[in-house]
C-alpha atoms as a PDB file:
ATOM      1  CA  MET A   1       0.057  -0.129  -0.092  1.00  0.00           C
ATOM      2  CA  SER A   2       1.431   3.312  -1.105  1.00  0.00           C
ATOM      3  CA  SER A   3       2.192   6.012   1.133  1.00  0.00           C
ATOM      4  CA  ALA A   4      -0.784   6.275   3.393  1.00  0.00           C
ATOM      5  CA  SER A   5      -3.522   4.029   4.188  1.00  0.00           C
ATOM      6  CA  PRO A   6      -7.243   4.696   4.957  1.00  0.00           C
ATOM      7  CA  ALA A   7      -8.544   5.171   8.309  1.00  0.00           C
ATOM      8  CA  ALA A   8      -8.451   2.317  10.686  1.00  0.00           C
ATOM      9  CA  ARG A   9     -11.142  -0.102  10.162  1.00  0.00           C
ATOM     10  CA  PRO A  10     -13.637  -1.555  12.759  1.00  0.00           C
ATOM     11  CA  SER A  11     -13.104  -4.845  14.146  1.00  0.00           C
ATOM     12  CA  PRO A  12     -13.519  -8.066  11.967  1.00  0.00           C
ATOM     13  CA  ALA A  13     -16.748  -8.761  13.959  1.00  0.00           C
ATOM     14  CA  ASP A  14     -18.126  -5.569  12.730  1.00  0.00           C
ATOM     15  CA  GLU A  15     -17.277  -6.163   8.997  1.00  0.00           C
ATOM     16  CA  PRO A  16     -19.791  -7.504   6.280  1.00  0.00           C
ATOM     17  CA  ARG A  17     -19.673 -10.937   4.479  1.00  0.00           C
ATOM     18  CA  LEU A  18     -18.959 -10.480   0.766  1.00  0.00           C
ATOM     19  CA  ASP A  19     -20.764 -13.065  -1.667  1.00  0.00           C
ATOM     20  CA  PHE A  20     -21.873 -12.869  -5.445  1.00  0.00           C
ATOM     21  CA  VAL A  21     -24.750 -13.643  -7.442  1.00  0.00           C
ATOM     22  CA  ALA A  22     -24.919 -14.529 -11.276  1.00  0.00           C
ATOM     23  CA  CYS A  23     -26.524 -12.235 -13.275  1.00  0.00           C
ATOM     24  CA  ALA A  24     -27.517 -12.063 -17.129  1.00  0.00           C
ATOM     25  CA  SER A  25     -27.363  -9.217 -19.690  1.00  0.00           C
ATOM     26  CA  PRO A  26     -27.737  -9.627 -23.386  1.00  0.00           C
ATOM     27  CA  ALA A  27     -23.927  -9.832 -23.772  1.00  0.00           C
ATOM     28  CA  GLY A  28     -23.712 -12.765 -21.156  1.00  0.00           C
ATOM     29  CA  LEU A  29     -23.366 -13.427 -17.728  1.00  0.00           C
ATOM     30  CA  HIS A  30     -21.693 -11.076 -15.140  1.00  0.00           C
ATOM     31  CA  ARG A  31     -21.238 -11.363 -11.397  1.00  0.00           C
ATOM     32  CA  MET A  32     -22.747  -9.002  -8.942  1.00  0.00           C
ATOM     33  CA  ALA A  33     -21.052  -8.543  -5.455  1.00  0.00           C
ATOM     34  CA  TYR A  34     -23.154  -7.886  -2.233  1.00  0.00           C
ATOM     35  CA  TRP A  35     -22.182  -7.242   1.204  1.00  0.00           C
ATOM     36  CA  GLU A  36     -24.373  -8.828   3.785  1.00  0.00           C
ATOM     37  CA  TRP A  37     -24.750  -8.026   7.583  1.00  0.00           C
ATOM     38  CA  GLY A  38     -26.721  -9.533  10.147  1.00  0.00           C
ATOM     39  CA  ASP A  39     -28.108 -13.412  10.416  1.00  0.00           C
ATOM     40  CA  PRO A  40     -27.988 -14.890   6.973  1.00  0.00           C
ATOM     41  CA  ASP A  41     -31.171 -16.922   8.073  1.00  0.00           C
ATOM     42  CA  ASN A  42     -33.250 -13.622   8.974  1.00  0.00           C
ATOM     43  CA  ALA A  43     -36.185 -13.846   6.409  1.00  0.00           C
ATOM     44  CA  ARG A  44     -36.551 -10.056   7.049  1.00  0.00           C
ATOM     45  CA  VAL A  45     -34.239  -8.321   4.547  1.00  0.00           C
ATOM     46  CA  LEU A  46     -33.285  -4.882   3.949  1.00  0.00           C
ATOM     47  CA  VAL A  47     -31.761  -4.246   0.417  1.00  0.00           C
ATOM     48  CA  CYS A  48     -29.586  -0.948   0.073  1.00  0.00           C
ATOM     49  CA  VAL A  49     -28.575   0.185  -3.115  1.00  0.00           C
ATOM     50  CA  HIS A  50     -25.920   2.962  -3.637  1.00  0.00           C
ATOM     51  CA  GLY A  51     -25.742   6.035  -6.120  1.00  0.00           C
ATOM     52  CA  LEU A  52     -24.047   6.282  -9.772  1.00  0.00           C
ATOM     53  CA  THR A  53     -20.524   6.178  -8.689  1.00  0.00           C
ATOM     54  CA  ARG A  54     -20.519   4.781  -5.345  1.00  0.00           C
ATOM     55  CA  THR A  55     -20.455   1.207  -3.670  1.00  0.00           C
ATOM     56  CA  GLY A  56     -22.244  -0.833  -1.222  1.00  0.00           C
ATOM     57  CA  ARG A  57     -19.927  -0.096   1.384  1.00  0.00           C
ATOM     58  CA  ASP A  58     -21.679   3.156   1.643  1.00  0.00           C
ATOM     59  CA  PHE A  59     -23.942   1.746   4.109  1.00  0.00           C
ATOM     60  CA  ASP A  60     -21.774   0.235   6.654  1.00  0.00           C
ATOM     61  CA  PRO A  61     -23.024   2.697   9.390  1.00  0.00           C
ATOM     62  CA  LEU A  62     -26.727   2.019   8.631  1.00  0.00           C
ATOM     63  CA  ALA A  63     -26.028  -1.758   8.030  1.00  0.00           C
ATOM     64  CA  ARG A  64     -24.279  -1.794  11.588  1.00  0.00           C
ATOM     65  CA  ALA A  65     -27.400   0.018  12.908  1.00  0.00           C
ATOM     66  CA  LEU A  66     -29.971  -2.352  11.553  1.00  0.00           C
ATOM     67  CA  GLY A  67     -28.055  -5.580  11.621  1.00  0.00           C
ATOM     68  CA  ARG A  68     -29.938  -7.059  14.591  1.00  0.00           C
ATOM     69  CA  GLU A  69     -33.377  -6.642  12.975  1.00  0.00           C
ATOM     70  CA  TYR A  70     -32.747  -7.426   9.229  1.00  0.00           C
ATOM     71  CA  ARG A  71     -30.418  -9.453   6.989  1.00  0.00           C
ATOM     72  CA  VAL A  72     -28.762  -6.369   5.252  1.00  0.00           C
ATOM     73  CA  VAL A  73     -27.628  -6.610   1.898  1.00  0.00           C
ATOM     74  CA  CYS A  74     -25.658  -3.845   0.033  1.00  0.00           C
ATOM     75  CA  PRO A  75     -24.948  -4.762  -3.739  1.00  0.00           C
ATOM     76  CA  ASP A  76     -22.221  -3.203  -5.671  1.00  0.00           C
ATOM     77  CA  VAL A  77     -24.323  -2.476  -9.015  1.00  0.00           C
ATOM     78  CA  ALA A  78     -22.505  -3.777 -12.098  1.00  0.00           C
ATOM     79  CA  GLY A  79     -19.255  -2.061 -13.074  1.00  0.00           C
ATOM     80  CA  ARG A  80     -18.683  -0.893  -9.607  1.00  0.00           C
ATOM     81  CA  GLY A  81     -16.905  -2.197  -6.555  1.00  0.00           C
ATOM     82  CA  ARG A  82     -16.277  -5.821  -6.427  1.00  0.00           C
ATOM     83  CA  SER A  83     -18.862  -6.627  -9.231  1.00  0.00           C
ATOM     84  CA  ASP A  84     -17.596  -7.527 -12.843  1.00  0.00           C
ATOM     85  CA  TRP A  85     -17.697  -4.997 -15.500  1.00  0.00           C
ATOM     86  CA  LEU A  86     -20.221  -5.324 -18.403  1.00  0.00           C
ATOM     87  CA  ILE A  87     -19.079  -6.585 -21.679  1.00  0.00           C
ATOM     88  CA  ASP A  88     -21.309  -4.153 -23.326  1.00  0.00           C
ATOM     89  CA  PRO A  89     -21.464  -0.579 -21.837  1.00  0.00           C
ATOM     90  CA  ASN A  90     -24.972  -0.076 -22.908  1.00  0.00           C
ATOM     91  CA  GLY A  91     -26.211  -2.418 -20.242  1.00  0.00           C
ATOM     92  CA  TYR A  92     -25.085   0.408 -17.858  1.00  0.00           C
ATOM     93  CA  VAL A  93     -28.820   1.628 -17.578  1.00  0.00           C
ATOM     94  CA  ILE A  94     -31.681   1.136 -14.876  1.00  0.00           C
ATOM     95  CA  PRO A  95     -33.552  -1.658 -16.678  1.00  0.00           C
ATOM     96  CA  GLN A  96     -30.312  -3.931 -16.393  1.00  0.00           C
ATOM     97  CA  TYR A  97     -29.901  -2.977 -12.967  1.00  0.00           C
ATOM     98  CA  VAL A  98     -33.447  -3.592 -11.973  1.00  0.00           C
ATOM     99  CA  ALA A  99     -33.218  -7.119 -13.633  1.00  0.00           C
ATOM    100  CA  ASP A 100     -29.867  -7.626 -11.506  1.00  0.00           C
ATOM    101  CA  MET A 101     -31.654  -6.811  -8.521  1.00  0.00           C
ATOM    102  CA  VAL A 102     -34.650  -9.285  -9.243  1.00  0.00           C
ATOM    103  CA  THR A 103     -31.922 -12.077  -9.754  1.00  0.00           C
ATOM    104  CA  LEU A 104     -30.403 -11.044  -6.077  1.00  0.00           C
ATOM    105  CA  VAL A 105     -33.684 -11.096  -4.299  1.00  0.00           C
ATOM    106  CA  ALA A 106     -34.660 -14.539  -5.906  1.00  0.00           C
ATOM    107  CA  ARG A 107     -31.478 -15.570  -4.341  1.00  0.00           C
ATOM    108  CA  LEU A 108     -32.014 -14.143  -0.919  1.00  0.00           C
ATOM    109  CA  ASN A 109     -35.712 -15.456  -0.869  1.00  0.00           C
ATOM    110  CA  PRO A 110     -36.941 -13.058   1.791  1.00  0.00           C
ATOM    111  CA  ALA A 111     -40.329 -13.308   3.454  1.00  0.00           C
ATOM    112  CA  ARG A 112     -40.280  -9.354   3.628  1.00  0.00           C
ATOM    113  CA  LEU A 113     -38.200  -6.923   1.667  1.00  0.00           C
ATOM    114  CA  ASP A 114     -37.502  -3.379   2.637  1.00  0.00           C
ATOM    115  CA  TRP A 115     -35.325  -1.091   0.357  1.00  0.00           C
ATOM    116  CA  VAL A 116     -33.176   1.798   0.876  1.00  0.00           C
ATOM    117  CA  GLY A 117     -31.937   3.418  -2.321  1.00  0.00           C
ATOM    118  CA  THR A 118     -29.591   6.527  -2.582  1.00  0.00           C
ATOM    119  CA  SER A 119     -30.005   8.494  -5.831  1.00  0.00           C
ATOM    120  CA  MET A 120     -29.648   5.687  -8.664  1.00  0.00           C
ATOM    121  CA  GLY A 121     -30.512   3.391  -6.101  1.00  0.00           C
ATOM    122  CA  GLY A 122     -33.739   4.988  -5.573  1.00  0.00           C
ATOM    123  CA  LEU A 123     -34.514   4.701  -9.157  1.00  0.00           C
ATOM    124  CA  ILE A 124     -33.524   1.065  -9.243  1.00  0.00           C
ATOM    125  CA  GLY A 125     -35.865   0.402  -6.221  1.00  0.00           C
ATOM    126  CA  LEU A 126     -38.981   2.480  -8.038  1.00  0.00           C
ATOM    127  CA  GLY A 127     -38.224   0.265 -11.031  1.00  0.00           C
ATOM    128  CA  LEU A 128     -38.581  -2.473  -9.041  1.00  0.00           C
ATOM    129  CA  ALA A 129     -41.671  -1.412  -7.147  1.00  0.00           C
ATOM    130  CA  GLY A 130     -43.184  -0.501 -10.730  1.00  0.00           C
ATOM    131  CA  MET A 131     -42.701  -4.069 -11.828  1.00  0.00           C
ATOM    132  CA  ALA A 132     -44.688  -5.175  -8.437  1.00  0.00           C
ATOM    133  CA  ALA A 133     -47.437  -2.744  -9.437  1.00  0.00           C
ATOM    134  CA  VAL A 134     -48.157  -4.267 -12.700  1.00  0.00           C
ATOM    135  CA  SER A 135     -47.203  -7.874 -12.530  1.00  0.00           C
ATOM    136  CA  PRO A 136     -49.182 -10.416 -10.679  1.00  0.00           C
ATOM    137  CA  ALA A 137     -45.965 -12.465 -10.178  1.00  0.00           C
ATOM    138  CA  LEU A 138     -44.397  -9.621  -8.171  1.00  0.00           C
ATOM    139  CA  ARG A 139     -47.221  -8.001  -6.033  1.00  0.00           C
ATOM    140  CA  PRO A 140     -47.022  -7.830  -2.148  1.00  0.00           C
ATOM    141  CA  ALA A 141     -48.342 -11.306  -1.003  1.00  0.00           C
ATOM    142  CA  ARG A 142     -47.123 -14.063   1.448  1.00  0.00           C
ATOM    143  CA  GLY A 143     -44.885 -16.497   0.119  1.00  0.00           C
ATOM    144  CA  SER A 144     -41.400 -16.778  -1.319  1.00  0.00           C
ATOM    145  CA  TRP A 145     -39.660 -15.039  -4.084  1.00  0.00           C
ATOM    146  CA  GLY A 146     -40.066 -16.871  -7.414  1.00  0.00           C
ATOM    147  CA  LEU A 147     -40.274 -15.823 -11.145  1.00  0.00           C
ATOM    148  CA  GLY A 148     -43.381 -17.578 -12.003  1.00  0.00           C
ATOM    149  CA  ALA A 149     -46.991 -16.973 -11.752  1.00  0.00           C
ATOM    150  CA  ALA A 150     -47.356 -17.274  -8.120  1.00  0.00           C
ATOM    151  CA  ALA A 151     -47.729 -14.488  -5.769  1.00  0.00           C
ATOM    152  CA  ASP A 152     -43.931 -13.580  -4.413  1.00  0.00           C
ATOM    153  CA  VAL A 153     -42.311 -11.567  -1.980  1.00  0.00           C
ATOM    154  CA  PRO A 154     -44.219  -8.998   0.087  1.00  0.00           C
ATOM    155  CA  LEU A 155     -42.457  -5.561  -0.273  1.00  0.00           C
ATOM    156  CA  GLY A 156     -42.451  -3.653   2.648  1.00  0.00           C
ATOM    157  CA  ARG A 157     -41.448  -0.324   3.139  1.00  0.00           C
ATOM    158  CA  MET A 158     -39.011   1.858   0.961  1.00  0.00           C
ATOM    159  CA  VAL A 159     -36.615   4.710   1.372  1.00  0.00           C
ATOM    160  CA  PHE A 160     -35.683   6.987  -1.684  1.00  0.00           C
ATOM    161  CA  ASN A 161     -32.628   8.985  -0.411  1.00  0.00           C
ATOM    162  CA  ASP A 162     -32.479  12.260  -2.412  1.00  0.00           C
ATOM    163  CA  ILE A 163     -34.010  11.062  -5.654  1.00  0.00           C
ATOM    164  CA  GLY A 164     -37.832  11.277  -7.189  1.00  0.00           C
ATOM    165  CA  PRO A 165     -39.459  10.725 -10.497  1.00  0.00           C
ATOM    166  CA  ALA A 166     -38.179  14.217 -12.138  1.00  0.00           C
ATOM    167  CA  LEU A 167     -34.569  14.296 -13.137  1.00  0.00           C
ATOM    168  CA  ASN A 168     -33.205  17.704 -12.707  1.00  0.00           C
ATOM    169  CA  ALA A 169     -30.985  18.209 -15.760  1.00  0.00           C
ATOM    170  CA  GLY A 170     -28.520  20.767 -13.854  1.00  0.00           C
ATOM    171  CA  GLY A 171     -28.028  18.214 -11.247  1.00  0.00           C
ATOM    172  CA  LEU A 172     -27.514  15.421 -13.660  1.00  0.00           C
ATOM    173  CA  ALA A 173     -25.050  17.873 -15.897  1.00  0.00           C
ATOM    174  CA  ARG A 174     -22.851  18.394 -12.676  1.00  0.00           C
ATOM    175  CA  ILE A 175     -22.601  14.617 -12.101  1.00  0.00           C
ATOM    176  CA  GLY A 176     -22.088  13.819 -15.874  1.00  0.00           C
ATOM    177  CA  GLU A 177     -18.873  16.250 -15.924  1.00  0.00           C
ATOM    178  CA  TYR A 178     -16.639  14.067 -13.534  1.00  0.00           C
ATOM    179  CA  VAL A 179     -18.266  10.586 -13.979  1.00  0.00           C
ATOM    180  CA  GLY A 180     -15.919   9.544 -17.039  1.00  0.00           C
ATOM    181  CA  GLN A 181     -12.806  11.313 -16.241  1.00  0.00           C
ATOM    182  CA  ALA A 182      -9.779   8.931 -15.629  1.00  0.00           C
ATOM    183  CA  LEU A 183      -7.797  10.085 -12.505  1.00  0.00           C
ATOM    184  CA  GLY A 184      -5.191   8.546 -10.305  1.00  0.00           C
ATOM    185  CA  PHE A 185      -3.291   9.726  -7.158  1.00  0.00           C
ATOM    186  CA  ASP A 186       0.098   8.733  -5.674  1.00  0.00           C
ATOM    187  CA  ARG A 187      -1.435   9.270  -2.166  1.00  0.00           C
ATOM    188  CA  PHE A 188      -4.650   8.297  -0.675  1.00  0.00           C
ATOM    189  CA  GLU A 189      -5.057  11.545   0.838  1.00  0.00           C
ATOM    190  CA  GLN A 190      -5.180  13.269  -2.728  1.00  0.00           C
ATOM    191  CA  ALA A 191      -8.120  10.830  -3.158  1.00  0.00           C
ATOM    192  CA  VAL A 192      -9.725  12.142  -0.298  1.00  0.00           C
ATOM    193  CA  ASP A 193      -9.435  15.802  -1.271  1.00  0.00           C
ATOM    194  CA  TYR A 194     -10.940  15.154  -4.757  1.00  0.00           C
ATOM    195  CA  VAL A 195     -13.845  13.330  -2.962  1.00  0.00           C
ATOM    196  CA  ARG A 196     -14.445  16.102  -0.635  1.00  0.00           C
ATOM    197  CA  THR A 197     -14.414  18.526  -3.667  1.00  0.00           C
ATOM    198  CA  VAL A 198     -16.797  16.525  -5.905  1.00  0.00           C
ATOM    199  CA  SER A 199     -19.006  15.296  -3.240  1.00  0.00           C
ATOM    200  CA  ALA A 200     -19.366  18.783  -1.189  1.00  0.00           C
ATOM    201  CA  GLY A 201     -23.151  17.941  -1.312  1.00  0.00           C
ATOM    202  CA  PHE A 202     -22.782  15.099   1.218  1.00  0.00           C
ATOM    203  CA  GLY A 203     -22.702  17.734   3.720  1.00  0.00           C
ATOM    204  CA  PRO A 204     -20.225  18.316   6.713  1.00  0.00           C
ATOM    205  CA  HIS A 205     -18.036  14.942   7.880  1.00  0.00           C
ATOM    206  CA  ASP A 206     -15.006  14.779  10.142  1.00  0.00           C
ATOM    207  CA  ALA A 207     -11.464  13.510   8.781  1.00  0.00           C
ATOM    208  CA  ALA A 208     -12.740   9.654   9.177  1.00  0.00           C
ATOM    209  CA  GLY A 209     -15.669  10.378   7.698  1.00  0.00           C
ATOM    210  CA  TRP A 210     -14.193  11.389   4.179  1.00  0.00           C
ATOM    211  CA  ASP A 211     -11.374   8.601   4.786  1.00  0.00           C
ATOM    212  CA  ALA A 212     -14.622   6.219   4.863  1.00  0.00           C
ATOM    213  CA  LEU A 213     -16.134   7.616   2.040  1.00  0.00           C
ATOM    214  CA  THR A 214     -13.006   7.553  -0.340  1.00  0.00           C
ATOM    215  CA  GLU A 215     -11.785   3.966   0.718  1.00  0.00           C
ATOM    216  CA  HIS A 216     -14.147   2.034  -1.390  1.00  0.00           C
ATOM    217  CA  VAL A 217     -14.239   4.378  -4.223  1.00  0.00           C
ATOM    218  CA  PHE A 218     -10.487   4.536  -4.890  1.00  0.00           C
ATOM    219  CA  VAL A 219      -8.626   1.478  -5.023  1.00  0.00           C
ATOM    220  CA  GLU A 220      -4.782   1.121  -5.159  1.00  0.00           C
ATOM    221  CA  ARG A 221      -3.556  -0.395  -8.530  1.00  0.00           C
ATOM    222  CA  ASP A 222       0.087  -0.408  -9.508  1.00  0.00           C
ATOM    223  CA  GLY A 223       0.756   2.267  -6.999  1.00  0.00           C
ATOM    224  CA  ARG A 224      -1.796   4.576  -7.853  1.00  0.00           C
ATOM    225  CA  TRP A 225      -5.088   5.344  -6.134  1.00  0.00           C
ATOM    226  CA  VAL A 226      -7.777   4.941  -9.191  1.00  0.00           C
ATOM    227  CA  LYS A 227     -11.548   5.127  -9.279  1.00  0.00           C
ATOM    228  CA  HIS A 228     -13.089   1.835  -8.440  1.00  0.00           C
ATOM    229  CA  TYR A 229     -15.841   1.774 -11.515  1.00  0.00           C
ATOM    230  CA  ASP A 230     -15.679   1.193 -15.205  1.00  0.00           C
ATOM    231  CA  LEU A 231     -15.468   4.585 -16.699  1.00  0.00           C
ATOM    232  CA  ARG A 232     -17.706   3.561 -19.927  1.00  0.00           C
ATOM    233  CA  LEU A 233     -20.629   3.570 -17.403  1.00  0.00           C
ATOM    234  CA  ALA A 234     -20.584   7.513 -18.308  1.00  0.00           C
ATOM    235  CA  GLU A 235     -21.198   6.173 -22.119  1.00  0.00           C
ATOM    236  CA  PRO A 236     -24.987   5.705 -21.751  1.00  0.00           C
ATOM    237  CA  PHE A 237     -25.278   8.570 -19.221  1.00  0.00           C
ATOM    238  CA  ALA A 238     -23.928  10.905 -21.472  1.00  0.00           C
ATOM    239  CA  LEU A 239     -26.209   9.808 -24.333  1.00  0.00           C
ATOM    240  CA  GLN A 240     -29.273  10.648 -22.492  1.00  0.00           C
ATOM    241  CA  THR A 241     -31.606  13.535 -24.685  1.00  0.00           C
ATOM    242  CA  PRO A 242     -34.142  15.463 -23.258  1.00  0.00           C
ATOM    243  CA  GLU A 243     -36.833  13.641 -25.029  1.00  0.00           C
ATOM    244  CA  ALA A 244     -35.374  10.371 -23.373  1.00  0.00           C
ATOM    245  CA  THR A 245     -35.412  11.849 -19.972  1.00  0.00           C
ATOM    246  CA  ALA A 246     -39.084  13.069 -20.427  1.00  0.00           C
ATOM    247  CA  ALA A 247     -39.998   9.656 -21.256  1.00  0.00           C
ATOM    248  CA  ALA A 248     -38.253   8.444 -18.504  1.00  0.00           C
ATOM    249  CA  GLU A 249     -39.857  10.763 -16.078  1.00  0.00           C
ATOM    250  CA  THR A 250     -43.442   9.815 -17.335  1.00  0.00           C
ATOM    251  CA  LEU A 251     -42.737   6.270 -16.593  1.00  0.00           C
ATOM    252  CA  LEU A 252     -41.215   7.082 -13.101  1.00  0.00           C
ATOM    253  CA  TRP A 253     -44.127   9.279 -12.110  1.00  0.00           C
ATOM    254  CA  GLN A 254     -46.621   6.398 -13.153  1.00  0.00           C
ATOM    255  CA  ALA A 255     -44.696   3.956 -10.807  1.00  0.00           C
ATOM    256  CA  TRP A 256     -44.340   6.461  -7.759  1.00  0.00           C
ATOM    257  CA  ASP A 257     -48.304   7.112  -8.218  1.00  0.00           C
ATOM    258  CA  HIS A 258     -49.009   3.447  -7.964  1.00  0.00           C
ATOM    259  CA  LEU A 259     -46.319   2.608  -5.435  1.00  0.00           C
ATOM    260  CA  PRO A 260     -47.983  -0.167  -3.349  1.00  0.00           C
ATOM    261  CA  VAL A 261     -45.709   0.424   0.124  1.00  0.00           C
ATOM    262  CA  PRO A 262     -45.417   3.191   2.496  1.00  0.00           C
ATOM    263  CA  SER A 263     -42.277   5.204   1.735  1.00  0.00           C
ATOM    264  CA  LEU A 264     -39.914   7.887   3.291  1.00  0.00           C
ATOM    265  CA  ILE A 265     -38.376  10.420   1.141  1.00  0.00           C
ATOM    266  CA  LEU A 266     -35.057  11.763   2.239  1.00  0.00           C
ATOM    267  CA  ARG A 267     -33.823  15.091   0.915  1.00  0.00           C
ATOM    268  CA  GLY A 268     -30.899  17.422   1.448  1.00  0.00           C
ATOM    269  CA  ALA A 269     -32.048  20.741   2.050  1.00  0.00           C
ATOM    270  CA  GLN A 270     -29.608  22.193  -0.613  1.00  0.00           C
ATOM    271  CA  SER A 271     -30.189  19.302  -3.270  1.00  0.00           C
ATOM    272  CA  ASP A 272     -29.816  20.132  -6.731  1.00  0.00           C
ATOM    273  CA  ILE A 273     -31.253  16.615  -7.801  1.00  0.00           C
ATOM    274  CA  LEU A 274     -34.309  16.278  -5.841  1.00  0.00           C
ATOM    275  CA  THR A 275     -35.620  19.683  -5.908  1.00  0.00           C
ATOM    276  CA  ARG A 276     -38.023  20.910  -2.911  1.00  0.00           C
ATOM    277  CA  ASP A 277     -41.072  21.158  -5.717  1.00  0.00           C
ATOM    278  CA  THR A 278     -40.560  17.492  -6.752  1.00  0.00           C
ATOM    279  CA  ALA A 279     -40.482  16.387  -3.240  1.00  0.00           C
ATOM    280  CA  ARG A 280     -43.630  18.388  -2.509  1.00  0.00           C
ATOM    281  CA  ARG A 281     -45.425  16.647  -5.562  1.00  0.00           C
ATOM    282  CA  MET A 282     -44.430  13.339  -4.366  1.00  0.00           C
ATOM    283  CA  VAL A 283     -45.912  13.531  -1.063  1.00  0.00           C
ATOM    284  CA  GLU A 284     -48.918  15.103  -2.457  1.00  0.00           C
ATOM    285  CA  ARG A 285     -49.504  12.357  -5.243  1.00  0.00           C
ATOM    286  CA  ASN A 286     -48.804   9.485  -2.846  1.00  0.00           C
ATOM    287  CA  PRO A 287     -50.538   9.402   0.584  1.00  0.00           C
ATOM    288  CA  ARG A 288     -48.257   6.746   1.710  1.00  0.00           C
ATOM    289  CA  ALA A 289     -45.268   8.943   1.377  1.00  0.00           C
ATOM    290  CA  ARG A 290     -43.667  11.074   3.884  1.00  0.00           C
ATOM    291  CA  LEU A 291     -40.856  13.467   3.742  1.00  0.00           C
ATOM    292  CA  VAL A 292     -37.849  14.337   5.799  1.00  0.00           C
ATOM    293  CA  GLU A 293     -35.160  17.115   5.036  1.00  0.00           C
ATOM    294  CA  PHE A 294     -31.641  17.841   6.228  1.00  0.00           C
ATOM    295  CA  ASP A 295     -30.220  21.214   6.537  1.00  0.00           C
ATOM    296  CA  GLY A 296     -26.727  21.667   5.569  1.00  0.00           C
ATOM    297  CA  VAL A 297     -27.020  18.907   2.923  1.00  0.00           C
ATOM    298  CA  GLY A 298     -27.076  18.622  -0.750  1.00  0.00           C
ATOM    299  CA  HIS A 299     -26.984  15.565  -2.716  1.00  0.00           C
ATOM    300  CA  ALA A 300     -26.903  13.143  -1.214  1.00  0.00           C
ATOM    301  CA  PRO A 301     -27.429  12.714   2.611  1.00  0.00           C
ATOM    302  CA  THR A 302     -24.717   9.699   3.142  1.00  0.00           C
ATOM    303  CA  LEU A 303     -26.771   7.927   6.014  1.00  0.00           C
ATOM    304  CA  ARG A 304     -23.443   8.174   8.316  1.00  0.00           C
ATOM    305  CA  ALA A 305     -24.905  11.043  10.656  1.00  0.00           C
ATOM    306  CA  ASP A 306     -27.113   9.885  13.717  1.00  0.00           C
ATOM    307  CA  GLU A 307     -29.963  12.033  12.707  1.00  0.00           C
ATOM    308  CA  GLN A 308     -30.139  10.267   9.329  1.00  0.00           C
ATOM    309  CA  ILE A 309     -29.582   6.701  10.685  1.00  0.00           C
ATOM    310  CA  ALA A 310     -32.517   7.519  13.106  1.00  0.00           C
ATOM    311  CA  ALA A 311     -35.014   8.813  10.587  1.00  0.00           C
ATOM    312  CA  VAL A 312     -34.436   5.344   8.561  1.00  0.00           C
ATOM    313  CA  ARG A 313     -34.488   3.260  11.279  1.00  0.00           C
ATOM    314  CA  ASP A 314     -37.470   4.908  13.061  1.00  0.00           C
ATOM    315  CA  PHE A 315     -39.484   4.720   9.477  1.00  0.00           C
ATOM    316  CA  LEU A 316     -38.515   1.153   8.754  1.00  0.00           C
ATOM    317  CA  LEU A 317     -39.005  -0.392  12.381  1.00  0.00           C
ATOM    318  CA  ALA A 318     -42.234   1.598  13.132  1.00  0.00           C
ATOM    319  CA  PRO A 319     -45.351  -0.675  13.913  1.00  0.00           C
END
């Protein structure tokens, strides 16, 4: 390891288990990694899915807080972290990610599935819930998750972390500026400084917090700290047209309006992705939803602060 290492890690007892599931795309098979906390026999499962350029390890603090009540599963979406990179970069889109999550949930076979999705992870969850709203095989019901005609997993509660059906063009353009940039640093501290710069919307964190937010998104290769993900995931992101974005928003609003489970919307008060107007419309259009905002935070709350973890925990575990 060159120069300096990330901050000291928790004890091994506080570390997650790593496993993989084989998923299919039109180009072939790929392995999706997932990090797992809690009792592997617990049929109450919480799936936590990260944002565009992040990894499942973003949810370490939240998973530790909920590991007694849930089997907490935090996948690395394809092209990120420990997961395989796709053969065809055109597969780095929400429909493929939803298909991968269906495969993962089939592996987990939960009696109840709750969901926490940050940014892109929220869109993936909304896509999955949209399938449940229109497909008899995926509607909330008692039983095990299968892919046949029988009723399957009961969807429980869903948390949408700083994301909604309306996609703010300005915020997306900001993210698009750095997604495909190839960067390398000689020292870990330089990578931390970069993350602090491009992720200012995460809000205030101490030095250990910024180290933790960096150590899984920059990895050491040949003596250099480089991005963990396939830079080609920026290609379909860059090809989005206003017409395609408008069509996607129409489908997302339809899924939101028919979301069959209670939902919690988390919003950074300074977010440029989930606007205050969109959050208001979400609550107005779906009576099962409620909104919590965090001052001093933009896109997106990292779910590391006590108040953020408490908001998610109280919602998921409420009677």
